[in-house]
Amino acid sequence: MLNYIWAFMILTGVVYGAFTGKMAEVTSAALDSAGDAVSLCITMIGVMALWVGLMEIAQKSGLIAKLTRGIQPFISFLFPRIPKGHPAREYIATNLIANVLGLGWACTPAGL
């Protein structure tokens, strides 16, 4: 459904630009936005690589497992259908802990 909404908005903008004679501005805005998107992706790759690396270190050190054991009752309450010992519980716990601590982008690797 979201794809249809985006397609409708893009087509509406292009058609409106064509009817008002501002196709050059539409094209310029599209190219500028594409450049901004590439810049954002490059920035995000660096930050995500940092946090994924730190989370991997935390996992191998056993820190994630200890923190996961501490919030198991809460995870069991929120996700009763996930069996005990399932790897998804560890990722959910990591995401919740990073959110509670306010670590920003550290939540994303665990959430994905």
PDB file of N, CA and C in Angstrom:
ATOM      1  N   MET A   1       0.813  -1.191   0.000  1.00  0.00           N
ATOM      2  CA  MET A   1       0.000   0.000   0.000  1.00  0.00           C
ATOM      3  C   MET A   1       0.862   1.262   0.000  1.00  0.00           C
ATOM      4  N   LEU A   2       1.934   1.219   0.791  1.00  0.00           N
ATOM      5  CA  LEU A   2       2.818   2.385   0.866  1.00  0.00           C
ATOM      6  C   LEU A   2       3.468   2.672  -0.481  1.00  0.00           C
ATOM      7  N   ASN A   3       3.771   1.619  -1.243  1.00  0.00           N
ATOM      8  CA  ASN A   3       4.349   1.819  -2.579  1.00  0.00           C
ATOM      9  C   ASN A   3       3.395   2.601  -3.482  1.00  0.00           C
ATOM     10  N   TYR A   4       2.124   2.307  -3.360  1.00  0.00           N
ATOM     11  CA  TYR A   4       1.135   3.022  -4.179  1.00  0.00           C
ATOM     12  C   TYR A   4       1.049   4.501  -3.776  1.00  0.00           C
ATOM     13  N   ILE A   5       1.137   4.754  -2.488  1.00  0.00           N
ATOM     14  CA  ILE A   5       1.082   6.144  -2.018  1.00  0.00           C
ATOM     15  C   ILE A   5       2.284   6.923  -2.545  1.00  0.00           C
ATOM     16  N   TRP A   6       3.483   6.330  -2.421  1.00  0.00           N
ATOM     17  CA  TRP A   6       4.685   7.012  -2.920  1.00  0.00           C
ATOM     18  C   TRP A   6       4.619   7.210  -4.431  1.00  0.00           C
ATOM     19  N   ALA A   7       4.176   6.185  -5.156  1.00  0.00           N
ATOM     20  CA  ALA A   7       4.065   6.306  -6.613  1.00  0.00           C
ATOM     21  C   ALA A   7       3.083   7.412  -6.983  1.00  0.00           C
ATOM     22  N   PHE A   8       1.973   7.499  -6.264  1.00  0.00           N
ATOM     23  CA  PHE A   8       0.991   8.545  -6.530  1.00  0.00           C
ATOM     24  C   PHE A   8       1.588   9.926  -6.294  1.00  0.00           C
ATOM     25  N   MET A   9       2.319  10.095  -5.193  1.00  0.00           N
ATOM     26  CA  MET A   9       2.910  11.409  -4.899  1.00  0.00           C
ATOM     27  C   MET A   9       3.964  11.795  -5.925  1.00  0.00           C
ATOM     28  N   ILE A  10       4.774  10.847  -6.342  1.00  0.00           N
ATOM     29  CA  ILE A  10       5.806  11.144  -7.338  1.00  0.00           C
ATOM     30  C   ILE A  10       5.169  11.505  -8.677  1.00  0.00           C
ATOM     31  N   LEU A  11       4.209  10.700  -9.098  1.00  0.00           N
ATOM     32  CA  LEU A  11       3.545  10.983 -10.371  1.00  0.00           C
ATOM     33  C   LEU A  11       2.800  12.315 -10.334  1.00  0.00           C
ATOM     34  N   THR A  12       2.178  12.619  -9.214  1.00  0.00           N
ATOM     35  CA  THR A  12       1.479  13.899  -9.082  1.00  0.00           C
ATOM     36  C   THR A  12       2.457  15.058  -9.221  1.00  0.00           C
ATOM     37  N   GLY A  13       3.616  14.949  -8.588  1.00  0.00           N
ATOM     38  CA  GLY A  13       4.629  16.002  -8.683  1.00  0.00           C
ATOM     39  C   GLY A  13       5.153  16.178 -10.088  1.00  0.00           C
ATOM     40  N   VAL A  14       5.398  15.067 -10.785  1.00  0.00           N
ATOM     41  CA  VAL A  14       5.914  15.142 -12.156  1.00  0.00           C
ATOM     42  C   VAL A  14       4.858  15.720 -13.093  1.00  0.00           C
ATOM     43  N   VAL A  15       3.621  15.255 -12.961  1.00  0.00           N
ATOM     44  CA  VAL A  15       2.552  15.764 -13.825  1.00  0.00           C
ATOM     45  C   VAL A  15       2.311  17.245 -13.560  1.00  0.00           C
ATOM     46  N   TYR A  16       2.302  17.635 -12.296  1.00  0.00           N
ATOM     47  CA  TYR A  16       2.105  19.049 -11.953  1.00  0.00           C
ATOM     48  C   TYR A  16       3.258  19.892 -12.516  1.00  0.00           C
ATOM     49  N   GLY A  17       4.485  19.387 -12.398  1.00  0.00           N
ATOM     50  CA  GLY A  17       5.642  20.090 -12.963  1.00  0.00           C
ATOM     51  C   GLY A  17       5.541  20.230 -14.472  1.00  0.00           C
ATOM     52  N   ALA A  18       5.027  19.205 -15.130  1.00  0.00           N
ATOM     53  CA  ALA A  18       4.886  19.261 -16.589  1.00  0.00           C
ATOM     54  C   ALA A  18       3.814  20.270 -16.998  1.00  0.00           C
ATOM     55  N   PHE A  19       2.695  20.282 -16.286  1.00  0.00           N
ATOM     56  CA  PHE A  19       1.610  21.210 -16.641  1.00  0.00           C
ATOM     57  C   PHE A  19       1.937  22.662 -16.326  1.00  0.00           C
ATOM     58  N   THR A  20       2.746  22.902 -15.312  1.00  0.00           N
ATOM     59  CA  THR A  20       3.085  24.281 -14.958  1.00  0.00           C
ATOM     60  C   THR A  20       4.359  24.755 -15.644  1.00  0.00           C
ATOM     61  N   GLY A  21       4.990  23.896 -16.420  1.00  0.00           N
ATOM     62  CA  GLY A  21       6.196  24.276 -17.144  1.00  0.00           C
ATOM     63  C   GLY A  21       7.436  24.342 -16.262  1.00  0.00           C
ATOM     64  N   LYS A  22       7.453  23.598 -15.194  1.00  0.00           N
ATOM     65  CA  LYS A  22       8.587  23.627 -14.272  1.00  0.00           C
ATOM     66  C   LYS A  22       9.284  22.274 -14.197  1.00  0.00           C
ATOM     67  N   MET A  23       9.402  21.611 -15.319  1.00  0.00           N
ATOM     68  CA  MET A  23      10.060  20.296 -15.334  1.00  0.00           C
ATOM     69  C   MET A  23      11.542  20.409 -14.999  1.00  0.00           C
ATOM     70  N   ALA A  24      12.170  21.510 -15.373  1.00  0.00           N
ATOM     71  CA  ALA A  24      13.593  21.692 -15.055  1.00  0.00           C
ATOM     72  C   ALA A  24      13.790  21.729 -13.537  1.00  0.00           C
ATOM     73  N   GLU A  25      12.880  22.408 -12.831  1.00  0.00           N
ATOM     74  CA  GLU A  25      12.978  22.462 -11.376  1.00  0.00           C
ATOM     75  C   GLU A  25      12.715  21.096 -10.748  1.00  0.00           C
ATOM     76  N   VAL A  26      11.764  20.342 -11.312  1.00  0.00           N
ATOM     77  CA  VAL A  26      11.472  19.005 -10.804  1.00  0.00           C
ATOM     78  C   VAL A  26      12.691  18.108 -10.988  1.00  0.00           C
ATOM     79  N   THR A  27      13.302  18.170 -12.162  1.00  0.00           N
ATOM     80  CA  THR A  27      14.490  17.358 -12.436  1.00  0.00           C
ATOM     81  C   THR A  27      15.640  17.760 -11.526  1.00  0.00           C
ATOM     82  N   SER A  28      15.848  19.053 -11.361  1.00  0.00           N
ATOM     83  CA  SER A  28      16.917  19.540 -10.489  1.00  0.00           C
ATOM     84  C   SER A  28      16.696  19.097  -9.048  1.00  0.00           C
ATOM     85  N   ALA A  29      15.469  19.190  -8.559  1.00  0.00           N
ATOM     86  CA  ALA A  29      15.158  18.772  -7.193  1.00  0.00           C
ATOM     87  C   ALA A  29      15.375  17.262  -7.023  1.00  0.00           C
ATOM     88  N   ALA A  30      15.012  16.476  -8.037  1.00  0.00           N
ATOM     89  CA  ALA A  30      15.201  15.027  -7.952  1.00  0.00           C
ATOM     90  C   ALA A  30      16.689  14.677  -7.880  1.00  0.00           C
ATOM     91  N   LEU A  31      17.503  15.351  -8.684  1.00  0.00           N
ATOM     92  CA  LEU A  31      18.938  15.067  -8.676  1.00  0.00           C
ATOM     93  C   LEU A  31      19.595  15.542  -7.375  1.00  0.00           C
ATOM     94  N   ASP A  32      19.183  16.691  -6.872  1.00  0.00           N
ATOM     95  CA  ASP A  32      19.711  17.172  -5.590  1.00  0.00           C
ATOM     96  C   ASP A  32      19.352  16.217  -4.457  1.00  0.00           C
ATOM     97  N   SER A  33      18.130  15.740  -4.456  1.00  0.00           N
ATOM     98  CA  SER A  33      17.688  14.806  -3.423  1.00  0.00           C
ATOM     99  C   SER A  33      18.434  13.480  -3.517  1.00  0.00           C
ATOM    100  N   ALA A  34      18.720  13.043  -4.737  1.00  0.00           N
ATOM    101  CA  ALA A  34      19.480  11.804  -4.905  1.00  0.00           C
ATOM    102  C   ALA A  34      20.888  11.962  -4.327  1.00  0.00           C
ATOM    103  N   GLY A  35      21.499  13.123  -4.548  1.00  0.00           N
ATOM    104  CA  GLY A  35      22.818  13.386  -3.976  1.00  0.00           C
ATOM    105  C   GLY A  35      22.781  13.403  -2.451  1.00  0.00           C
ATOM    106  N   ASP A  36      21.741  14.013  -1.885  1.00  0.00           N
ATOM    107  CA  ASP A  36      21.591  14.028  -0.430  1.00  0.00           C
ATOM    108  C   ASP A  36      21.392  12.610   0.114  1.00  0.00           C
ATOM    109  N   ALA A  37      20.651  11.790  -0.620  1.00  0.00           N
ATOM    110  CA  ALA A  37      20.408  10.411  -0.179  1.00  0.00           C
ATOM    111  C   ALA A  37      21.709   9.613  -0.157  1.00  0.00           C
ATOM    112  N   VAL A  38      22.554   9.800  -1.160  1.00  0.00           N
ATOM    113  CA  VAL A  38      23.840   9.096  -1.193  1.00  0.00           C
ATOM    114  C   VAL A  38      24.719   9.548  -0.030  1.00  0.00           C
ATOM    115  N   SER A  39      24.737  10.838   0.235  1.00  0.00           N
ATOM    116  CA  SER A  39      25.523  11.366   1.353  1.00  0.00           C
ATOM    117  C   SER A  39      25.030  10.798   2.686  1.00  0.00           C
ATOM    118  N   LEU A  40      23.727  10.737   2.866  1.00  0.00           N
ATOM    119  CA  LEU A  40      23.153  10.175   4.088  1.00  0.00           C
ATOM    120  C   LEU A  40      23.515   8.704   4.237  1.00  0.00           C
ATOM    121  N   CYS A  41      23.458   7.954   3.148  1.00  0.00           N
ATOM    122  CA  CYS A  41      23.789   6.523   3.199  1.00  0.00           C
ATOM    123  C   CYS A  41      25.244   6.307   3.592  1.00  0.00           C
ATOM    124  N   ILE A  42      26.142   7.114   3.058  1.00  0.00           N
ATOM    125  CA  ILE A  42      27.561   6.979   3.402  1.00  0.00           C
ATOM    126  C   ILE A  42      27.768   7.276   4.886  1.00  0.00           C
ATOM    127  N   THR A  43      27.103   8.300   5.391  1.00  0.00           N
ATOM    128  CA  THR A  43      27.192   8.631   6.816  1.00  0.00           C
ATOM    129  C   THR A  43      26.642   7.490   7.665  1.00  0.00           C
ATOM    130  N   MET A  44      25.506   6.960   7.264  1.00  0.00           N
ATOM    131  CA  MET A  44      24.886   5.882   8.032  1.00  0.00           C
ATOM    132  C   MET A  44      25.720   4.613   8.026  1.00  0.00           C
ATOM    133  N   ILE A  45      26.408   4.336   6.923  1.00  0.00           N
ATOM    134  CA  ILE A  45      27.234   3.131   6.853  1.00  0.00           C
ATOM    135  C   ILE A  45      28.317   3.181   7.918  1.00  0.00           C
ATOM    136  N   GLY A  46      28.948   4.333   8.078  1.00  0.00           N
ATOM    137  CA  GLY A  46      29.997   4.454   9.084  1.00  0.00           C
ATOM    138  C   GLY A  46      29.476   4.274  10.499  1.00  0.00           C
ATOM    139  N   VAL A  47      28.375   4.930  10.805  1.00  0.00           N
ATOM    140  CA  VAL A  47      27.805   4.834  12.150  1.00  0.00           C
ATOM    141  C   VAL A  47      27.308   3.419  12.418  1.00  0.00           C
ATOM    142  N   MET A  48      26.655   2.825  11.448  1.00  0.00           N
ATOM    143  CA  MET A  48      26.140   1.466  11.626  1.00  0.00           C
ATOM    144  C   MET A  48      27.290   0.469  11.799  1.00  0.00           C
ATOM    145  N   ALA A  49      28.375   0.649  11.050  1.00  0.00           N
ATOM    146  CA  ALA A  49      29.520  -0.248  11.198  1.00  0.00           C
ATOM    147  C   ALA A  49      30.091  -0.160  12.609  1.00  0.00           C
ATOM    148  N   LEU A  50      30.187   1.053  13.148  1.00  0.00           N
ATOM    149  CA  LEU A  50      30.672   1.230  14.513  1.00  0.00           C
ATOM    150  C   LEU A  50      29.793   0.489  15.508  1.00  0.00           C
ATOM    151  N   TRP A  51      28.471   0.699  15.438  1.00  0.00           N
ATOM    152  CA  TRP A  51      27.580   0.086  16.419  1.00  0.00           C
ATOM    153  C   TRP A  51      27.477  -1.420  16.245  1.00  0.00           C
ATOM    154  N   VAL A  52      27.493  -1.899  15.011  1.00  0.00           N
ATOM    155  CA  VAL A  52      27.451  -3.352  14.800  1.00  0.00           C
ATOM    156  C   VAL A  52      28.705  -3.984  15.398  1.00  0.00           C
ATOM    157  N   GLY A  53      29.850  -3.340  15.218  1.00  0.00           N
ATOM    158  CA  GLY A  53      31.089  -3.852  15.803  1.00  0.00           C
ATOM    159  C   GLY A  53      31.050  -3.870  17.319  1.00  0.00           C
ATOM    160  N   LEU A  54      30.551  -2.784  17.915  1.00  0.00           N
ATOM    161  CA  LEU A  54      30.451  -2.740  19.376  1.00  0.00           C
ATOM    162  C   LEU A  54      29.472  -3.781  19.902  1.00  0.00           C
ATOM    163  N   MET A  55      28.371  -3.991  19.202  1.00  0.00           N
ATOM    164  CA  MET A  55      27.404  -4.993  19.632  1.00  0.00           C
ATOM    165  C   MET A  55      27.982  -6.410  19.494  1.00  0.00           C
ATOM    166  N   GLU A  56      28.795  -6.625  18.484  1.00  0.00           N
ATOM    167  CA  GLU A  56      29.434  -7.932  18.317  1.00  0.00           C
ATOM    168  C   GLU A  56      30.408  -8.190  19.465  1.00  0.00           C
ATOM    169  N   ILE A  57      31.162  -7.164  19.851  1.00  0.00           N
ATOM    170  CA  ILE A  57      32.078  -7.296  20.986  1.00  0.00           C
ATOM    171  C   ILE A  57      31.296  -7.575  22.266  1.00  0.00           C
ATOM    172  N   ALA A  58      30.200  -6.857  22.465  1.00  0.00           N
ATOM    173  CA  ALA A  58      29.373  -7.074  23.654  1.00  0.00           C
ATOM    174  C   ALA A  58      28.792  -8.480  23.673  1.00  0.00           C
ATOM    175  N   GLN A  59      28.432  -8.984  22.511  1.00  0.00           N
ATOM    176  CA  GLN A  59      27.862 -10.330  22.447  1.00  0.00           C
ATOM    177  C   GLN A  59      28.926 -11.378  22.769  1.00  0.00           C
ATOM    178  N   LYS A  60      30.109 -11.235  22.193  1.00  0.00           N
ATOM    179  CA  LYS A  60      31.161 -12.224  22.428  1.00  0.00           C
ATOM    180  C   LYS A  60      31.696 -12.157  23.858  1.00  0.00           C
ATOM    181  N   SER A  61      31.583 -11.002  24.504  1.00  0.00           N
ATOM    182  CA  SER A  61      32.061 -10.882  25.889  1.00  0.00           C
ATOM    183  C   SER A  61      31.065 -11.467  26.885  1.00  0.00           C
ATOM    184  N   GLY A  62      29.864 -11.732  26.457  1.00  0.00           N
ATOM    185  CA  GLY A  62      28.846 -12.291  27.337  1.00  0.00           C
ATOM    186  C   GLY A  62      27.962 -11.237  27.980  1.00  0.00           C
ATOM    187  N   LEU A  63      28.221  -9.976  27.699  1.00  0.00           N
ATOM    188  CA  LEU A  63      27.438  -8.895  28.282  1.00  0.00           C
ATOM    189  C   LEU A  63      25.976  -8.962  27.841  1.00  0.00           C
ATOM    190  N   ILE A  64      25.761  -9.235  26.569  1.00  0.00           N
ATOM    191  CA  ILE A  64      24.386  -9.315  26.043  1.00  0.00           C
ATOM    192  C   ILE A  64      23.633 -10.460  26.702  1.00  0.00           C
ATOM    193  N   ALA A  65      24.296 -11.601  26.884  1.00  0.00           N
ATOM    194  CA  ALA A  65      23.630 -12.754  27.512  1.00  0.00           C
ATOM    195  C   ALA A  65      23.225 -12.436  28.948  1.00  0.00           C
ATOM    196  N   LYS A  66      24.081 -11.741  29.697  1.00  0.00           N
ATOM    197  CA  LYS A  66      23.753 -11.379  31.080  1.00  0.00           C
ATOM    198  C   LYS A  66      22.584 -10.408  31.132  1.00  0.00           C
ATOM    199  N   LEU A  67      22.616  -9.417  30.272  1.00  0.00           N
ATOM    200  CA  LEU A  67      21.528  -8.447  30.252  1.00  0.00           C
ATOM    201  C   LEU A  67      20.223  -9.088  29.781  1.00  0.00           C
ATOM    202  N   THR A  68      20.330 -10.027  28.857  1.00  0.00           N
ATOM    203  CA  THR A  68      19.144 -10.732  28.363  1.00  0.00           C
ATOM    204  C   THR A  68      18.497 -11.546  29.488  1.00  0.00           C
ATOM    205  N   ARG A  69      19.315 -12.218  30.284  1.00  0.00           N
ATOM    206  CA  ARG A  69      18.762 -12.987  31.415  1.00  0.00           C
ATOM    207  C   ARG A  69      18.040 -12.074  32.395  1.00  0.00           C
ATOM    208  N   GLY A  70      18.535 -10.851  32.529  1.00  0.00           N
ATOM    209  CA  GLY A  70      17.918  -9.931  33.471  1.00  0.00           C
ATOM    210  C   GLY A  70      16.537  -9.456  33.075  1.00  0.00           C
ATOM    211  N   ILE A  71      16.269  -9.387  31.791  1.00  0.00           N
ATOM    212  CA  ILE A  71      14.959  -8.885  31.356  1.00  0.00           C
ATOM    213  C   ILE A  71      14.099  -9.968  30.696  1.00  0.00           C
ATOM    214  N   GLN A  72      14.443 -11.242  30.939  1.00  0.00           N
ATOM    215  CA  GLN A  72      13.660 -12.349  30.364  1.00  0.00           C
ATOM    216  C   GLN A  72      12.186 -12.305  30.756  1.00  0.00           C
ATOM    217  N   PRO A  73      11.838 -11.989  32.007  1.00  0.00           N
ATOM    218  CA  PRO A  73      10.402 -11.950  32.343  1.00  0.00           C
ATOM    219  C   PRO A  73       9.637 -10.916  31.505  1.00  0.00           C
ATOM    220  N   PHE A  74      10.260  -9.778  31.281  1.00  0.00           N
ATOM    221  CA  PHE A  74       9.627  -8.737  30.469  1.00  0.00           C
ATOM    222  C   PHE A  74       9.474  -9.193  29.023  1.00  0.00           C
ATOM    223  N   ILE A  75      10.503  -9.829  28.477  1.00  0.00           N
ATOM    224  CA  ILE A  75      10.444 -10.326  27.091  1.00  0.00           C
ATOM    225  C   ILE A  75       9.405 -11.437  26.977  1.00  0.00           C
ATOM    226  N   SER A  76       9.338 -12.307  27.989  1.00  0.00           N
ATOM    227  CA  SER A  76       8.328 -13.375  27.966  1.00  0.00           C
ATOM    228  C   SER A  76       6.919 -12.807  28.003  1.00  0.00           C
ATOM    229  N   PHE A  77       6.742 -11.716  28.740  1.00  0.00           N
ATOM    230  CA  PHE A  77       5.432 -11.076  28.801  1.00  0.00           C
ATOM    231  C   PHE A  77       5.078 -10.449  27.448  1.00  0.00           C
ATOM    232  N   LEU A  78       6.037  -9.770  26.826  1.00  0.00           N
ATOM    233  CA  LEU A  78       5.765  -9.106  25.552  1.00  0.00           C
ATOM    234  C   LEU A  78       5.636 -10.077  24.386  1.00  0.00           C
ATOM    235  N   PHE A  79       6.456 -11.141  24.402  1.00  0.00           N
ATOM    236  CA  PHE A  79       6.497 -12.091  23.285  1.00  0.00           C
ATOM    237  C   PHE A  79       6.327 -13.516  23.809  1.00  0.00           C
ATOM    238  N   PRO A  80       5.120 -13.887  24.221  1.00  0.00           N
ATOM    239  CA  PRO A  80       4.927 -15.203  24.834  1.00  0.00           C
ATOM    240  C   PRO A  80       5.097 -16.374  23.866  1.00  0.00           C
ATOM    241  N   ARG A  81       5.000 -16.136  22.573  1.00  0.00           N
ATOM    242  CA  ARG A  81       5.077 -17.236  21.606  1.00  0.00           C
ATOM    243  C   ARG A  81       6.501 -17.571  21.184  1.00  0.00           C
ATOM    244  N   ILE A  82       7.465 -16.740  21.566  1.00  0.00           N
ATOM    245  CA  ILE A  82       8.865 -17.036  21.244  1.00  0.00           C
ATOM    246  C   ILE A  82       9.385 -17.996  22.309  1.00  0.00           C
ATOM    247  N   PRO A  83       9.865 -19.178  21.905  1.00  0.00           N
ATOM    248  CA  PRO A  83      10.306 -20.164  22.904  1.00  0.00           C
ATOM    249  C   PRO A  83      11.564 -19.707  23.655  1.00  0.00           C
ATOM    250  N   LYS A  84      11.706 -20.211  24.865  1.00  0.00           N
ATOM    251  CA  LYS A  84      12.895 -19.902  25.669  1.00  0.00           C
ATOM    252  C   LYS A  84      14.136 -20.429  24.946  1.00  0.00           C
ATOM    253  N   GLY A  85      15.201 -19.653  24.993  1.00  0.00           N
ATOM    254  CA  GLY A  85      16.449 -20.056  24.347  1.00  0.00           C
ATOM    255  C   GLY A  85      16.528 -19.717  22.869  1.00  0.00           C
ATOM    256  N   HIS A  86      15.495 -19.141  22.311  1.00  0.00           N
ATOM    257  CA  HIS A  86      15.499 -18.774  20.890  1.00  0.00           C
ATOM    258  C   HIS A  86      16.419 -17.563  20.688  1.00  0.00           C
ATOM    259  N   PRO A  87      17.210 -17.543  19.596  1.00  0.00           N
ATOM    260  CA  PRO A  87      18.129 -16.422  19.363  1.00  0.00           C
ATOM    261  C   PRO A  87      17.420 -15.066  19.218  1.00  0.00           C
ATOM    262  N   ALA A  88      16.172 -15.077  18.806  1.00  0.00           N
ATOM    263  CA  ALA A  88      15.447 -13.811  18.639  1.00  0.00           C
ATOM    264  C   ALA A  88      15.297 -13.081  19.968  1.00  0.00           C
ATOM    265  N   ARG A  89      15.219 -13.828  21.062  1.00  0.00           N
ATOM    266  CA  ARG A  89      15.092 -13.198  22.374  1.00  0.00           C
ATOM    267  C   ARG A  89      16.308 -12.328  22.693  1.00  0.00           C
ATOM    268  N   GLU A  90      17.477 -12.785  22.295  1.00  0.00           N
ATOM    269  CA  GLU A  90      18.698 -12.015  22.553  1.00  0.00           C
ATOM    270  C   GLU A  90      18.707 -10.718  21.754  1.00  0.00           C
ATOM    271  N   TYR A  91      18.281 -10.790  20.504  1.00  0.00           N
ATOM    272  CA  TYR A  91      18.232  -9.583  19.676  1.00  0.00           C
ATOM    273  C   TYR A  91      17.183  -8.596  20.181  1.00  0.00           C
ATOM    274  N   ILE A  92      16.055  -9.126  20.614  1.00  0.00           N
ATOM    275  CA  ILE A  92      15.003  -8.268  21.165  1.00  0.00           C
ATOM    276  C   ILE A  92      15.511  -7.593  22.436  1.00  0.00           C
ATOM    277  N   ALA A  93      16.178  -8.361  23.286  1.00  0.00           N
ATOM    278  CA  ALA A  93      16.715  -7.798  24.525  1.00  0.00           C
ATOM    279  C   ALA A  93      17.759  -6.722  24.228  1.00  0.00           C
ATOM    280  N   THR A  94      18.620  -6.972  23.265  1.00  0.00           N
ATOM    281  CA  THR A  94      19.639  -5.988  22.896  1.00  0.00           C
ATOM    282  C   THR A  94      18.983  -4.708  22.413  1.00  0.00           C
ATOM    283  N   ASN A  95      17.966  -4.843  21.590  1.00  0.00           N
ATOM    284  CA  ASN A  95      17.270  -3.667  21.084  1.00  0.00           C
ATOM    285  C   ASN A  95      16.590  -2.900  22.210  1.00  0.00           C
ATOM    286  N   LEU A  96      15.922  -3.598  23.105  1.00  0.00           N
ATOM    287  CA  LEU A  96      15.249  -2.946  24.226  1.00  0.00           C
ATOM    288  C   LEU A  96      16.247  -2.236  25.144  1.00  0.00           C
ATOM    289  N   ILE A  97      17.344  -2.899  25.446  1.00  0.00           N
ATOM    290  CA  ILE A  97      18.352  -2.311  26.328  1.00  0.00           C
ATOM    291  C   ILE A  97      18.955  -1.063  25.697  1.00  0.00           C
ATOM    292  N   ALA A  98      19.266  -1.123  24.409  1.00  0.00           N
ATOM    293  CA  ALA A  98      19.830   0.045  23.726  1.00  0.00           C
ATOM    294  C   ALA A  98      18.824   1.198  23.705  1.00  0.00           C
ATOM    295  N   ASN A  99      17.543   0.884  23.539  1.00  0.00           N
ATOM    296  CA  ASN A  99      16.520   1.932  23.566  1.00  0.00           C
ATOM    297  C   ASN A  99      16.389   2.555  24.947  1.00  0.00           C
ATOM    298  N   VAL A 100      16.387   1.729  25.981  1.00  0.00           N
ATOM    299  CA  VAL A 100      16.253   2.232  27.346  1.00  0.00           C
ATOM    300  C   VAL A 100      17.450   3.116  27.709  1.00  0.00           C
ATOM    301  N   LEU A 101      18.640   2.714  27.282  1.00  0.00           N
ATOM    302  CA  LEU A 101      19.844   3.485  27.576  1.00  0.00           C
ATOM    303  C   LEU A 101      19.987   4.715  26.680  1.00  0.00           C
ATOM    304  N   GLY A 102      19.131   4.846  25.683  1.00  0.00           N
ATOM    305  CA  GLY A 102      19.172   6.012  24.802  1.00  0.00           C
ATOM    306  C   GLY A 102      20.362   6.021  23.876  1.00  0.00           C
ATOM    307  N   LEU A 103      20.744   4.864  23.372  1.00  0.00           N
ATOM    308  CA  LEU A 103      21.938   4.770  22.535  1.00  0.00           C
ATOM    309  C   LEU A 103      21.687   5.059  21.063  1.00  0.00           C
ATOM    310  N   GLY A 104      20.509   5.526  20.713  1.00  0.00           N
ATOM    311  CA  GLY A 104      20.247   5.976  19.343  1.00  0.00           C
ATOM    312  C   GLY A 104      20.401   4.877  18.309  1.00  0.00           C
ATOM    313  N   TRP A 105      21.373   5.059  17.450  1.00  0.00           N
ATOM    314  CA  TRP A 105      21.548   4.134  16.332  1.00  0.00           C
ATOM    315  C   TRP A 105      22.041   2.764  16.744  1.00  0.00           C
ATOM    316  N   ALA A 106      22.399   2.566  17.990  1.00  0.00           N
ATOM    317  CA  ALA A 106      22.794   1.244  18.458  1.00  0.00           C
ATOM    318  C   ALA A 106      21.604   0.299  18.449  1.00  0.00           C
ATOM    319  N   CYS A 107      20.403   0.832  18.468  1.00  0.00           N
ATOM    320  CA  CYS A 107      19.193   0.007  18.468  1.00  0.00           C
ATOM    321  C   CYS A 107      18.963  -0.637  17.105  1.00  0.00           C
ATOM    322  N   THR A 108      19.370   0.022  16.064  1.00  0.00           N
ATOM    323  CA  THR A 108      19.048  -0.416  14.717  1.00  0.00           C
ATOM    324  C   THR A 108      19.652  -1.774  14.342  1.00  0.00           C
ATOM    325  N   PRO A 109      20.960  -2.016  14.565  1.00  0.00           N
ATOM    326  CA  PRO A 109      21.498  -3.337  14.175  1.00  0.00           C
ATOM    327  C   PRO A 109      20.798  -4.488  14.856  1.00  0.00           C
ATOM    328  N   ALA A 110      20.478  -4.335  16.127  1.00  0.00           N
ATOM    329  CA  ALA A 110      19.785  -5.417  16.830  1.00  0.00           C
ATOM    330  C   ALA A 110      18.364  -5.572  16.323  1.00  0.00           C
ATOM    331  N   GLY A 111      17.728  -4.458  15.991  1.00  0.00           N
ATOM    332  CA  GLY A 111      16.371  -4.516  15.488  1.00  0.00           C
ATOM    333  C   GLY A 111      16.266  -5.146  14.110  1.00  0.00           C
ATOM    334  N   LEU A 112      17.297  -4.961  13.322  1.00  0.00           N
ATOM    335  CA  LEU A 112      17.267  -5.537  11.977  1.00  0.00           C
ATOM    336  C   LEU A 112      17.529  -7.010  12.031  1.00  0.00           C
TER     337      LEU A 112
END
